[in-house]
């Protein structure tokens, strides 16, 4: 059983899943441990909760890896955790992971967005900076805009708080006509988070159900023993 934690990055994840996969909502602290307890043989982390709950803990990802359970990350929280845990065997997938791993990106908020509930399909209420950048890049490639306009939009997007970042706000902040920006998006829209999430789904299909145990020892710290005593006996 391969457990994939995904939500707003790929609301229709079920369409890309095979019968070995279980789709679960964005992960928060303890969810990876619960997946292991349920028998997960691989973990795919795309989306994660943060702000109002404790985010997925590095320690539980390391525990999975120490037990030979492959862990993949991409697109959003998954890309961030994959960069942080790649030295221990977590596999990062996609352009967003590559950008963080190379240092081209450093701000966690680049992947953050405001969205509606799962019951409505996680409708996006803001646009993440990674998608702004991908759309600007596509617009340049298509000859829709030149370098000067691209720079104005890029700088403006970075001045807008992630919860408030919509294309209208980006247009207003860059002193550009809203209609012009709307036309640009209609022509060149690029959803980098979705693309990377799909790439993870495809990558995890091809992996074996288990992997060799890590060549390092998991340190069951006092906090780990307090929170997850059932796993200290394994």
C-alpha atoms as a PDB file:
ATOM      1  CA  UNK A   1       0.000   0.000   0.000  1.00  0.00           C
ATOM      2  CA  UNK A   2       1.476   3.311  -1.131  1.00  0.00           C
ATOM      3  CA  UNK A   3       0.070   6.298   0.748  1.00  0.00           C
ATOM      4  CA  UNK A   4       0.033   9.685  -1.011  1.00  0.00           C
ATOM      5  CA  UNK A   5      -0.667  12.866   0.955  1.00  0.00           C
ATOM      6  CA  UNK A   6      -2.043  15.365  -1.534  1.00  0.00           C
ATOM      7  CA  UNK A   7      -4.725  18.048  -1.743  1.00  0.00           C
ATOM      8  CA  UNK A   8      -4.692  21.467  -3.442  1.00  0.00           C
ATOM      9  CA  UNK A   9      -1.651  20.699  -5.607  1.00  0.00           C
ATOM     10  CA  UNK A  10      -3.563  17.881  -7.311  1.00  0.00           C
ATOM     11  CA  UNK A  11      -7.243  17.802  -6.306  1.00  0.00           C
ATOM     12  CA  UNK A  12      -7.964  15.021  -8.819  1.00  0.00           C
ATOM     13  CA  UNK A  13      -5.148  12.781  -7.577  1.00  0.00           C
ATOM     14  CA  UNK A  14      -7.448   9.745  -7.708  1.00  0.00           C
ATOM     15  CA  UNK A  15      -7.325   9.947 -11.494  1.00  0.00           C
ATOM     16  CA  UNK A  16      -3.559   9.337 -11.403  1.00  0.00           C
ATOM     17  CA  UNK A  17      -3.582   6.622  -8.734  1.00  0.00           C
ATOM     18  CA  UNK A  18      -3.480   2.888  -9.338  1.00  0.00           C
ATOM     19  CA  UNK A  19      -4.882   0.157  -7.131  1.00  0.00           C
ATOM     20  CA  UNK A  20      -1.733   0.079  -4.974  1.00  0.00           C
ATOM     21  CA  UNK A  21      -2.243   3.684  -3.830  1.00  0.00           C
ATOM     22  CA  UNK A  22      -4.284   5.297  -1.096  1.00  0.00           C
ATOM     23  CA  UNK A  23      -4.893   9.048  -1.383  1.00  0.00           C
ATOM     24  CA  UNK A  24      -5.005  10.915   1.917  1.00  0.00           C
ATOM     25  CA  UNK A  25      -5.452  14.636   2.681  1.00  0.00           C
ATOM     26  CA  UNK A  26      -2.511  17.004   3.242  1.00  0.00           C
ATOM     27  CA  UNK A  27      -0.333  15.637   6.017  1.00  0.00           C
ATOM     28  CA  UNK A  28       0.112  17.062   9.467  1.00  0.00           C
ATOM     29  CA  UNK A  29       2.270  15.820  12.323  1.00  0.00           C
ATOM     30  CA  UNK A  30       1.579  12.169  13.080  1.00  0.00           C
ATOM     31  CA  UNK A  31      -0.064  11.304   9.753  1.00  0.00           C
ATOM     32  CA  UNK A  32       3.011   9.588   8.340  1.00  0.00           C
ATOM     33  CA  UNK A  33       3.308   7.526  11.524  1.00  0.00           C
ATOM     34  CA  UNK A  34      -0.354   6.540  11.210  1.00  0.00           C
ATOM     35  CA  UNK A  35       0.238   5.532   7.584  1.00  0.00           C
ATOM     36  CA  UNK A  36       3.091   3.284   8.688  1.00  0.00           C
ATOM     37  CA  UNK A  37       0.893   1.821  11.403  1.00  0.00           C
ATOM     38  CA  UNK A  38      -1.705   1.070   8.700  1.00  0.00           C
ATOM     39  CA  UNK A  39       0.889  -0.842   6.684  1.00  0.00           C
ATOM     40  CA  UNK A  40       2.199   1.706   4.191  1.00  0.00           C
ATOM     41  CA  UNK A  41       5.008   0.312   2.046  1.00  0.00           C
ATOM     42  CA  UNK A  42       5.812   3.692   0.452  1.00  0.00           C
ATOM     43  CA  UNK A  43       4.997   7.312   1.254  1.00  0.00           C
ATOM     44  CA  UNK A  44       4.405  10.140  -1.196  1.00  0.00           C
ATOM     45  CA  UNK A  45       4.288  13.596   0.377  1.00  0.00           C
ATOM     46  CA  UNK A  46       2.937  16.409  -1.786  1.00  0.00           C
ATOM     47  CA  UNK A  47       0.820  18.690   0.389  1.00  0.00           C
ATOM     48  CA  UNK A  48       1.047  19.354   4.100  1.00  0.00           C
ATOM     49  CA  UNK A  49      -0.815  21.415   6.646  1.00  0.00           C
ATOM     50  CA  UNK A  50       1.068  24.042   8.630  1.00  0.00           C
ATOM     51  CA  UNK A  51      -0.216  27.342  10.072  1.00  0.00           C
ATOM     52  CA  UNK A  52      -2.922  26.067  12.482  1.00  0.00           C
ATOM     53  CA  UNK A  53      -1.588  22.560  13.166  1.00  0.00           C
ATOM     54  CA  UNK A  54       1.861  21.049  13.660  1.00  0.00           C
ATOM     55  CA  UNK A  55       3.321  20.214  10.229  1.00  0.00           C
ATOM     56  CA  UNK A  56       4.520  16.765   9.242  1.00  0.00           C
ATOM     57  CA  UNK A  57       7.558  16.003  11.370  1.00  0.00           C
ATOM     58  CA  UNK A  58      10.959  15.277   9.840  1.00  0.00           C
ATOM     59  CA  UNK A  59      11.404  12.611  12.485  1.00  0.00           C
ATOM     60  CA  UNK A  60       8.513  10.493  11.218  1.00  0.00           C
ATOM     61  CA  UNK A  61       9.889  10.685   7.673  1.00  0.00           C
ATOM     62  CA  UNK A  62      13.278   9.570   8.954  1.00  0.00           C
ATOM     63  CA  UNK A  63      11.650   6.723  10.859  1.00  0.00           C
ATOM     64  CA  UNK A  64       9.966   5.513   7.665  1.00  0.00           C
ATOM     65  CA  UNK A  65      13.260   5.677   5.791  1.00  0.00           C
ATOM     66  CA  UNK A  66      15.090   3.867   8.584  1.00  0.00           C
ATOM     67  CA  UNK A  67      12.611   0.995   8.192  1.00  0.00           C
ATOM     68  CA  UNK A  68      13.164   0.661   4.455  1.00  0.00           C
ATOM     69  CA  UNK A  69       9.965   2.457   3.448  1.00  0.00           C
ATOM     70  CA  UNK A  70      10.630   4.673   0.395  1.00  0.00           C
ATOM     71  CA  UNK A  71       9.566   8.294   0.883  1.00  0.00           C
ATOM     72  CA  UNK A  72       9.041  10.685  -2.037  1.00  0.00           C
ATOM     73  CA  UNK A  73       8.370  14.426  -1.909  1.00  0.00           C
ATOM     74  CA  UNK A  74       7.328  17.000  -4.492  1.00  0.00           C
ATOM     75  CA  UNK A  75       5.475  20.200  -5.352  1.00  0.00           C
ATOM     76  CA  UNK A  76       4.758  21.767  -1.973  1.00  0.00           C
ATOM     77  CA  UNK A  77       5.504  20.651   1.592  1.00  0.00           C
ATOM     78  CA  UNK A  78       6.825  17.476   0.008  1.00  0.00           C
ATOM     79  CA  UNK A  79       9.495  19.359  -1.925  1.00  0.00           C
ATOM     80  CA  UNK A  80      10.591  21.206   1.216  1.00  0.00           C
ATOM     81  CA  UNK A  81      10.855  18.057   3.314  1.00  0.00           C
ATOM     82  CA  UNK A  82      12.629  16.200   0.507  1.00  0.00           C
ATOM     83  CA  UNK A  83      15.369  18.831   0.420  1.00  0.00           C
ATOM     84  CA  UNK A  84      15.709  18.698   4.192  1.00  0.00           C
ATOM     85  CA  UNK A  85      15.765  14.886   4.335  1.00  0.00           C
ATOM     86  CA  UNK A  86      17.478  13.948   1.071  1.00  0.00           C
ATOM     87  CA  UNK A  87      20.732  13.147   2.873  1.00  0.00           C
ATOM     88  CA  UNK A  88      18.843  10.336   4.634  1.00  0.00           C
ATOM     89  CA  UNK A  89      17.321   8.871   1.486  1.00  0.00           C
ATOM     90  CA  UNK A  90      14.119  10.830   0.852  1.00  0.00           C
ATOM     91  CA  UNK A  91      13.638  11.240  -2.905  1.00  0.00           C
ATOM     92  CA  UNK A  92      12.723  14.643  -4.298  1.00  0.00           C
ATOM     93  CA  UNK A  93      10.798  14.884  -7.545  1.00  0.00           C
ATOM     94  CA  UNK A  94      10.160  17.757  -9.950  1.00  0.00           C
ATOM     95  CA  UNK A  95      11.248  21.276 -10.783  1.00  0.00           C
ATOM     96  CA  UNK A  96      10.218  22.842  -7.476  1.00  0.00           C
ATOM     97  CA  UNK A  97      12.326  20.352  -5.532  1.00  0.00           C
ATOM     98  CA  UNK A  98      15.230  21.009  -7.890  1.00  0.00           C
ATOM     99  CA  UNK A  99      14.938  24.757  -7.337  1.00  0.00           C
ATOM    100  CA  UNK A 100      15.079  24.407  -3.557  1.00  0.00           C
ATOM    101  CA  UNK A 101      17.828  21.784  -3.677  1.00  0.00           C
ATOM    102  CA  UNK A 102      19.997  24.014  -5.883  1.00  0.00           C
ATOM    103  CA  UNK A 103      19.389  27.139  -3.789  1.00  0.00           C
ATOM    104  CA  UNK A 104      17.487  28.942  -6.543  1.00  0.00           C
ATOM    105  CA  UNK A 105      14.636  29.082  -4.032  1.00  0.00           C
ATOM    106  CA  UNK A 106      14.991  29.545  -0.293  1.00  0.00           C
ATOM    107  CA  UNK A 107      11.610  30.791   0.970  1.00  0.00           C
ATOM    108  CA  UNK A 108       9.089  28.175   2.128  1.00  0.00           C
ATOM    109  CA  UNK A 109       6.275  30.597   1.284  1.00  0.00           C
ATOM    110  CA  UNK A 110       6.986  30.235  -2.449  1.00  0.00           C
ATOM    111  CA  UNK A 111       4.798  27.114  -2.479  1.00  0.00           C
ATOM    112  CA  UNK A 112       2.113  28.336  -0.070  1.00  0.00           C
ATOM    113  CA  UNK A 113      -1.409  29.252  -1.106  1.00  0.00           C
ATOM    114  CA  UNK A 114      -4.833  29.894   0.369  1.00  0.00           C
ATOM    115  CA  UNK A 115      -7.471  27.356  -0.652  1.00  0.00           C
ATOM    116  CA  UNK A 116     -10.960  26.142   0.089  1.00  0.00           C
ATOM    117  CA  UNK A 117     -12.007  22.846   1.731  1.00  0.00           C
ATOM    118  CA  UNK A 118     -11.554  19.337   0.430  1.00  0.00           C
ATOM    119  CA  UNK A 119     -15.315  18.976   0.021  1.00  0.00           C
ATOM    120  CA  UNK A 120     -15.175  21.597  -2.736  1.00  0.00           C
ATOM    121  CA  UNK A 121     -12.041  20.216  -4.349  1.00  0.00           C
ATOM    122  CA  UNK A 122      -9.534  22.520  -2.633  1.00  0.00           C
ATOM    123  CA  UNK A 123     -10.347  25.566  -4.801  1.00  0.00           C
ATOM    124  CA  UNK A 124      -7.375  27.950  -4.983  1.00  0.00           C
ATOM    125  CA  UNK A 125      -8.029  31.373  -3.453  1.00  0.00           C
ATOM    126  CA  UNK A 126      -4.524  32.674  -4.129  1.00  0.00           C
ATOM    127  CA  UNK A 127      -1.718  31.838  -6.519  1.00  0.00           C
ATOM    128  CA  UNK A 128       1.574  30.368  -5.219  1.00  0.00           C
ATOM    129  CA  UNK A 129       4.739  32.110  -6.275  1.00  0.00           C
ATOM    130  CA  UNK A 130       6.085  28.987  -7.990  1.00  0.00           C
ATOM    131  CA  UNK A 131       3.113  29.132 -10.359  1.00  0.00           C
ATOM    132  CA  UNK A 132       3.536  32.864 -10.922  1.00  0.00           C
ATOM    133  CA  UNK A 133       7.140  32.248 -11.911  1.00  0.00           C
ATOM    134  CA  UNK A 134       6.244  29.310 -14.157  1.00  0.00           C
ATOM    135  CA  UNK A 135       3.557  31.363 -15.914  1.00  0.00           C
ATOM    136  CA  UNK A 136       5.891  34.311 -16.446  1.00  0.00           C
ATOM    137  CA  UNK A 137       8.508  31.932 -17.824  1.00  0.00           C
ATOM    138  CA  UNK A 138       5.959  30.396 -20.213  1.00  0.00           C
ATOM    139  CA  UNK A 139       4.801  33.857 -21.301  1.00  0.00           C
ATOM    140  CA  UNK A 140       8.369  34.819 -22.175  1.00  0.00           C
ATOM    141  CA  UNK A 141       8.884  31.577 -24.105  1.00  0.00           C
ATOM    142  CA  UNK A 142       5.675  32.201 -26.058  1.00  0.00           C
ATOM    143  CA  UNK A 143       6.624  35.794 -26.818  1.00  0.00           C
ATOM    144  CA  UNK A 144       3.653  37.171 -24.891  1.00  0.00           C
ATOM    145  CA  UNK A 145       5.814  39.501 -22.767  1.00  0.00           C
ATOM    146  CA  UNK A 146       9.369  40.731 -22.730  1.00  0.00           C
ATOM    147  CA  UNK A 147      11.975  40.831 -20.019  1.00  0.00           C
ATOM    148  CA  UNK A 148      10.991  44.221 -18.604  1.00  0.00           C
ATOM    149  CA  UNK A 149       7.357  43.286 -18.033  1.00  0.00           C
ATOM    150  CA  UNK A 150       8.395  39.892 -16.679  1.00  0.00           C
ATOM    151  CA  UNK A 151      10.649  41.555 -14.116  1.00  0.00           C
ATOM    152  CA  UNK A 152       7.909  43.967 -13.034  1.00  0.00           C
ATOM    153  CA  UNK A 153       5.466  41.102 -12.483  1.00  0.00           C
ATOM    154  CA  UNK A 154       8.026  38.940 -10.698  1.00  0.00           C
ATOM    155  CA  UNK A 155       9.048  41.697  -8.305  1.00  0.00           C
ATOM    156  CA  UNK A 156       5.438  42.665  -7.638  1.00  0.00           C
ATOM    157  CA  UNK A 157       4.439  39.077  -6.864  1.00  0.00           C
ATOM    158  CA  UNK A 158       7.199  38.859  -4.289  1.00  0.00           C
ATOM    159  CA  UNK A 159       5.913  41.943  -2.508  1.00  0.00           C
ATOM    160  CA  UNK A 160       2.456  40.435  -1.949  1.00  0.00           C
ATOM    161  CA  UNK A 161       1.815  38.233   1.115  1.00  0.00           C
ATOM    162  CA  UNK A 162       1.057  34.681   0.008  1.00  0.00           C
ATOM    163  CA  UNK A 163      -2.546  34.727   1.259  1.00  0.00           C
ATOM    164  CA  UNK A 164      -3.249  37.914  -0.676  1.00  0.00           C
ATOM    165  CA  UNK A 165      -1.398  36.962  -3.845  1.00  0.00           C
ATOM    166  CA  UNK A 166      -3.868  36.895  -6.721  1.00  0.00           C
ATOM    167  CA  UNK A 167      -3.212  37.930 -10.291  1.00  0.00           C
ATOM    168  CA  UNK A 168      -5.285  41.057  -9.682  1.00  0.00           C
ATOM    169  CA  UNK A 169      -3.112  42.040  -6.722  1.00  0.00           C
ATOM    170  CA  UNK A 170       0.031  41.297  -8.711  1.00  0.00           C
ATOM    171  CA  UNK A 171      -1.241  43.507 -11.533  1.00  0.00           C
ATOM    172  CA  UNK A 172      -2.120  46.332  -9.141  1.00  0.00           C
ATOM    173  CA  UNK A 173       1.209  46.075  -7.331  1.00  0.00           C
ATOM    174  CA  UNK A 174       3.121  46.178 -10.629  1.00  0.00           C
ATOM    175  CA  UNK A 175       0.993  49.125 -11.909  1.00  0.00           C
ATOM    176  CA  UNK A 176      -0.073  47.072 -14.899  1.00  0.00           C
ATOM    177  CA  UNK A 177      -3.499  46.877 -16.490  1.00  0.00           C
ATOM    178  CA  UNK A 178      -5.513  44.048 -14.921  1.00  0.00           C
ATOM    179  CA  UNK A 179      -6.954  43.060 -18.274  1.00  0.00           C
ATOM    180  CA  UNK A 180      -3.476  42.713 -19.752  1.00  0.00           C
ATOM    181  CA  UNK A 181      -2.366  40.457 -16.926  1.00  0.00           C
ATOM    182  CA  UNK A 182      -5.563  38.427 -17.173  1.00  0.00           C
ATOM    183  CA  UNK A 183      -4.919  37.889 -20.888  1.00  0.00           C
ATOM    184  CA  UNK A 184      -1.342  36.832 -20.135  1.00  0.00           C
ATOM    185  CA  UNK A 185      -2.543  34.238 -17.643  1.00  0.00           C
ATOM    186  CA  UNK A 186      -5.200  32.927 -20.033  1.00  0.00           C
ATOM    187  CA  UNK A 187      -2.501  32.354 -22.648  1.00  0.00           C
ATOM    188  CA  UNK A 188       0.460  31.181 -20.602  1.00  0.00           C
ATOM    189  CA  UNK A 189      -0.910  29.755 -17.320  1.00  0.00           C
ATOM    190  CA  UNK A 190       1.415  27.087 -15.976  1.00  0.00           C
ATOM    191  CA  UNK A 191       0.598  25.089 -12.837  1.00  0.00           C
ATOM    192  CA  UNK A 192       4.033  23.935 -11.727  1.00  0.00           C
ATOM    193  CA  UNK A 193       2.755  22.425  -8.475  1.00  0.00           C
ATOM    194  CA  UNK A 194       0.290  20.233 -10.367  1.00  0.00           C
ATOM    195  CA  UNK A 195       2.933  19.145 -12.859  1.00  0.00           C
ATOM    196  CA  UNK A 196       5.337  18.126 -10.100  1.00  0.00           C
ATOM    197  CA  UNK A 197       2.609  16.311  -8.162  1.00  0.00           C
ATOM    198  CA  UNK A 198       1.737  14.279 -11.259  1.00  0.00           C
ATOM    199  CA  UNK A 199       5.430  13.489 -11.711  1.00  0.00           C
ATOM    200  CA  UNK A 200       5.548  12.131  -8.156  1.00  0.00           C
ATOM    201  CA  UNK A 201       2.478   9.972  -8.777  1.00  0.00           C
ATOM    202  CA  UNK A 202       4.132   8.489 -11.840  1.00  0.00           C
ATOM    203  CA  UNK A 203       7.449   7.974 -10.080  1.00  0.00           C
ATOM    204  CA  UNK A 204       5.922   6.167  -7.134  1.00  0.00           C
ATOM    205  CA  UNK A 205       4.107   3.734  -9.427  1.00  0.00           C
ATOM    206  CA  UNK A 206       7.435   2.364 -10.591  1.00  0.00           C
ATOM    207  CA  UNK A 207       9.181   1.842  -7.261  1.00  0.00           C
ATOM    208  CA  UNK A 208       9.345  -1.532  -5.509  1.00  0.00           C
ATOM    209  CA  UNK A 209       7.121  -2.062  -2.499  1.00  0.00           C
ATOM    210  CA  UNK A 210      10.111  -1.878  -0.184  1.00  0.00           C
ATOM    211  CA  UNK A 211      13.686  -0.663  -0.165  1.00  0.00           C
ATOM    212  CA  UNK A 212      16.827  -1.640   1.734  1.00  0.00           C
ATOM    213  CA  UNK A 213      16.982  -0.336   5.275  1.00  0.00           C
ATOM    214  CA  UNK A 214      18.991   2.821   5.748  1.00  0.00           C
ATOM    215  CA  UNK A 215      22.693   2.670   6.455  1.00  0.00           C
ATOM    216  CA  UNK A 216      22.264   4.920   9.467  1.00  0.00           C
ATOM    217  CA  UNK A 217      20.620   4.458  12.858  1.00  0.00           C
ATOM    218  CA  UNK A 218      17.374   6.141  13.844  1.00  0.00           C
ATOM    219  CA  UNK A 219      17.676   8.046  17.114  1.00  0.00           C
ATOM    220  CA  UNK A 220      14.568   7.546  19.225  1.00  0.00           C
ATOM    221  CA  UNK A 221      14.745  10.793  21.161  1.00  0.00           C
ATOM    222  CA  UNK A 222      12.778  11.355  24.397  1.00  0.00           C
ATOM    223  CA  UNK A 223      10.146  13.351  22.471  1.00  0.00           C
ATOM    224  CA  UNK A 224       9.775  10.537  19.932  1.00  0.00           C
ATOM    225  CA  UNK A 225       9.371   7.973  22.725  1.00  0.00           C
ATOM    226  CA  UNK A 226       6.750  10.153  24.370  1.00  0.00           C
ATOM    227  CA  UNK A 227       4.705  10.757  21.215  1.00  0.00           C
ATOM    228  CA  UNK A 228       5.005   7.395  19.491  1.00  0.00           C
ATOM    229  CA  UNK A 229       5.852   4.707  22.067  1.00  0.00           C
ATOM    230  CA  UNK A 230       4.513   1.907  19.859  1.00  0.00           C
ATOM    231  CA  UNK A 231       7.288   2.554  17.375  1.00  0.00           C
ATOM    232  CA  UNK A 232      10.087   2.473  19.932  1.00  0.00           C
ATOM    233  CA  UNK A 233       9.616  -1.279  20.218  1.00  0.00           C
ATOM    234  CA  UNK A 234      10.135  -1.919  16.499  1.00  0.00           C
END
